[in-house]
Protein backbone atom coordinates (compact mmCIF):
# COMPACT_ATOMS: atom_id res chain seq x y z
CA MET A 1 39.46 17.20 -15.35
CA SER A 2 40.82 14.42 -13.25
CA PRO A 3 39.47 10.88 -13.22
CA ASP A 4 38.36 11.40 -9.61
CA PHE A 5 36.26 14.39 -10.64
CA ILE A 6 34.61 12.47 -13.48
CA VAL A 7 33.84 9.49 -11.25
CA GLY A 8 32.39 11.80 -8.59
CA PHE A 9 30.34 13.64 -11.17
CA ALA A 10 28.95 10.37 -12.58
CA ARG A 11 28.23 9.09 -9.05
CA GLN A 12 26.29 12.25 -8.25
CA ALA A 13 24.23 11.92 -11.45
CA ILE A 14 23.42 8.25 -10.74
CA GLU A 15 22.46 9.07 -7.13
CA MET A 16 20.15 11.80 -8.37
CA ALA A 17 18.49 9.48 -10.89
CA LEU A 18 17.94 6.80 -8.24
CA THR A 19 16.62 9.37 -5.75
CA LEU A 20 14.11 10.67 -8.28
CA ALA A 21 12.95 7.15 -9.18
CA LEU A 22 12.63 5.99 -5.57
CA PRO A 23 9.02 7.08 -4.87
CA MET A 24 7.63 5.27 -7.92
CA LEU A 25 9.76 2.18 -7.36
CA MET A 26 8.77 1.89 -3.71
CA VAL A 27 5.06 2.26 -4.46
CA GLY A 28 5.34 -0.29 -7.26
CA MET A 29 7.09 -2.74 -4.95
CA VAL A 30 4.54 -2.33 -2.14
CA VAL A 31 1.57 -2.69 -4.50
CA GLY A 32 3.22 -5.71 -6.14
CA ILE A 33 3.70 -7.43 -2.78
CA VAL A 34 0.11 -6.68 -1.70
CA VAL A 35 -1.30 -8.00 -4.98
CA SER A 36 0.93 -11.10 -4.80
CA VAL A 37 -0.29 -11.88 -1.28
CA LEU A 38 -3.87 -11.34 -2.44
CA GLN A 39 -3.31 -13.66 -5.40
CA ALA A 40 -1.74 -16.31 -3.19
CA ALA A 41 -4.64 -16.11 -0.74
CA THR A 42 -7.35 -16.31 -3.39
CA GLN A 43 -5.44 -18.49 -5.89
CA ILE A 44 -6.29 -16.11 -8.73
CA GLN A 45 -3.41 -16.20 -11.22
CA GLU A 46 -4.26 -13.41 -13.64
CA MET A 47 -1.32 -11.47 -15.13
CA THR A 48 -3.25 -8.23 -15.63
CA LEU A 49 -4.20 -8.27 -11.95
CA THR A 50 -0.54 -7.65 -11.06
CA PHE A 51 0.27 -5.26 -13.89
CA VAL A 52 -2.62 -2.77 -13.91
CA PRO A 53 -2.67 -1.87 -10.18
CA LYS A 54 1.09 -1.27 -10.24
CA ILE A 55 0.82 1.07 -13.21
CA ILE A 56 -2.03 3.02 -11.62
CA ALA A 57 -0.25 3.25 -8.25
CA MET A 58 3.04 4.32 -9.84
CA PHE A 59 1.27 6.97 -11.89
CA ALA A 60 -0.45 8.27 -8.74
CA ALA A 61 2.91 8.32 -6.92
CA LEU A 62 4.41 10.27 -9.83
CA ILE A 63 1.64 12.86 -9.67
CA PHE A 64 1.97 13.14 -5.88
CA ALA A 65 5.80 13.35 -5.90
CA PHE A 66 6.13 15.52 -9.01
CA PRO A 67 6.65 18.86 -7.17
CA TRP A 68 9.42 17.31 -5.07
CA ILE A 69 10.99 15.70 -8.15
CA MET A 70 10.93 19.00 -10.04
CA ASN A 71 12.53 20.86 -7.11
CA LYS A 72 15.32 18.28 -6.94
CA MET A 73 15.87 18.41 -10.71
CA ILE A 74 15.91 22.21 -10.79
CA ALA A 75 18.36 22.39 -7.87
CA TYR A 76 20.65 19.82 -9.50
CA THR A 77 20.56 21.55 -12.89
CA THR A 78 21.07 25.00 -11.37
CA ASN A 79 24.08 23.71 -9.43
CA LEU A 80 25.43 22.09 -12.58
CA PHE A 81 25.11 25.28 -14.66
CA LEU A 82 26.47 27.58 -11.93
CA ASN A 83 29.56 25.40 -11.50
CA PHE A 84 30.09 24.91 -15.24
CA PRO A 85 33.06 27.33 -15.38
CA ASN A 86 34.76 25.27 -12.66
CA TYR A 87 34.18 22.05 -14.62
CA ILE A 88 35.91 23.16 -17.81
CA ARG A 89 39.18 24.05 -16.09
């Protein structure tokens, strides 16, 4: 195993983790911005008002995106296991 292979392998794993987290992170960011604008407009400064809607929205995004996430994870893992003999050379 060369250092280039290991760096490429680690890069691919990090890209996959970020790709799988993207739907929840984007929904959390959008809901956070909307709630922040709402708080600024109404001058309500309640901490749970920002936290609870983000959790609910991120959970809903996880449920909605779960089939896609599972397909990506299965494809990545299958590719990893099929190429395992090539990795140990």
